[in-house]
Amino acid sequence: MYSIENDLKNLCLDFIDVLHSLEKSGDIAKEEYEQYSKPKIAFLKKYIKSLYI
């Protein structure tokens, strides 16, 4: 199970990085960046929290 969660974490980080690059270059609006990145950030927070429980 750890491997799947780790893969999801890495995918979320990569996706957020791509979104950030697109937002920075003006290809997507800041609102779109926030809309698509919020669920990924929430997952990462939950994932990190579960590591310390």
Protein backbone atom coordinates (compact mmCIF):
# COMPACT_ATOMS: atom_id res chain seq x y z
CA MET A 1 0.00 0.00 0.00
CA TYR A 2 2.87 2.37 0.77
CA SER A 3 4.07 2.13 -2.83
CA ILE A 4 0.70 3.20 -4.23
CA GLU A 5 0.48 6.15 -1.84
CA ASN A 6 4.03 7.15 -2.67
CA ASP A 7 3.27 7.00 -6.41
CA LEU A 8 0.15 9.14 -5.87
CA LYS A 9 2.19 11.63 -3.87
CA ASN A 10 4.73 11.88 -6.67
CA LEU A 11 2.02 12.27 -9.30
CA CYS A 12 0.39 15.06 -7.28
CA LEU A 13 3.70 16.86 -6.89
CA ASP A 14 4.41 16.55 -10.62
CA PHE A 15 0.90 17.74 -11.50
CA ILE A 16 1.19 20.75 -9.19
CA ASP A 17 4.58 21.56 -10.71
CA VAL A 18 3.12 21.47 -14.24
CA LEU A 19 0.15 23.60 -13.16
CA HIS A 20 2.52 26.11 -11.56
CA SER A 21 4.58 26.33 -14.75
CA LEU A 22 1.44 26.83 -16.84
CA GLU A 23 0.15 29.52 -14.49
CA LYS A 24 3.52 31.28 -14.39
CA SER A 25 3.75 31.35 -18.20
CA GLY A 26 0.19 32.66 -18.49
CA ASP A 27 -1.20 29.54 -20.20
CA ILE A 28 -3.77 29.11 -17.42
CA ALA A 29 -5.31 31.64 -15.05
CA LYS A 30 -4.47 31.75 -11.36
CA GLU A 31 -8.04 30.65 -10.62
CA GLU A 32 -7.59 27.54 -12.75
CA TYR A 33 -4.31 26.78 -11.00
CA GLU A 34 -6.00 27.02 -7.61
CA GLN A 35 -9.03 25.00 -8.74
CA TYR A 36 -6.96 22.07 -9.98
CA SER A 37 -4.20 22.16 -7.37
CA LYS A 38 -6.35 22.37 -4.21
CA PRO A 39 -7.46 18.69 -4.22
CA LYS A 40 -3.88 17.57 -4.81
CA ILE A 41 -2.57 19.73 -1.99
CA ALA A 42 -5.28 18.38 0.32
CA PHE A 43 -4.21 14.82 -0.53
CA LEU A 44 -0.56 15.67 0.14
CA LYS A 45 -1.40 17.21 3.51
CA LYS A 46 -3.37 14.10 4.47
CA TYR A 47 -0.55 11.87 3.22
CA ILE A 48 2.11 13.75 5.18
CA LYS A 49 -0.06 13.77 8.30
CA SER A 50 -0.49 9.98 8.05
CA LEU A 51 3.28 9.54 8.07
CA TYR A 52 3.50 11.04 11.54
CA ILE A 53 0.62 9.15 13.16
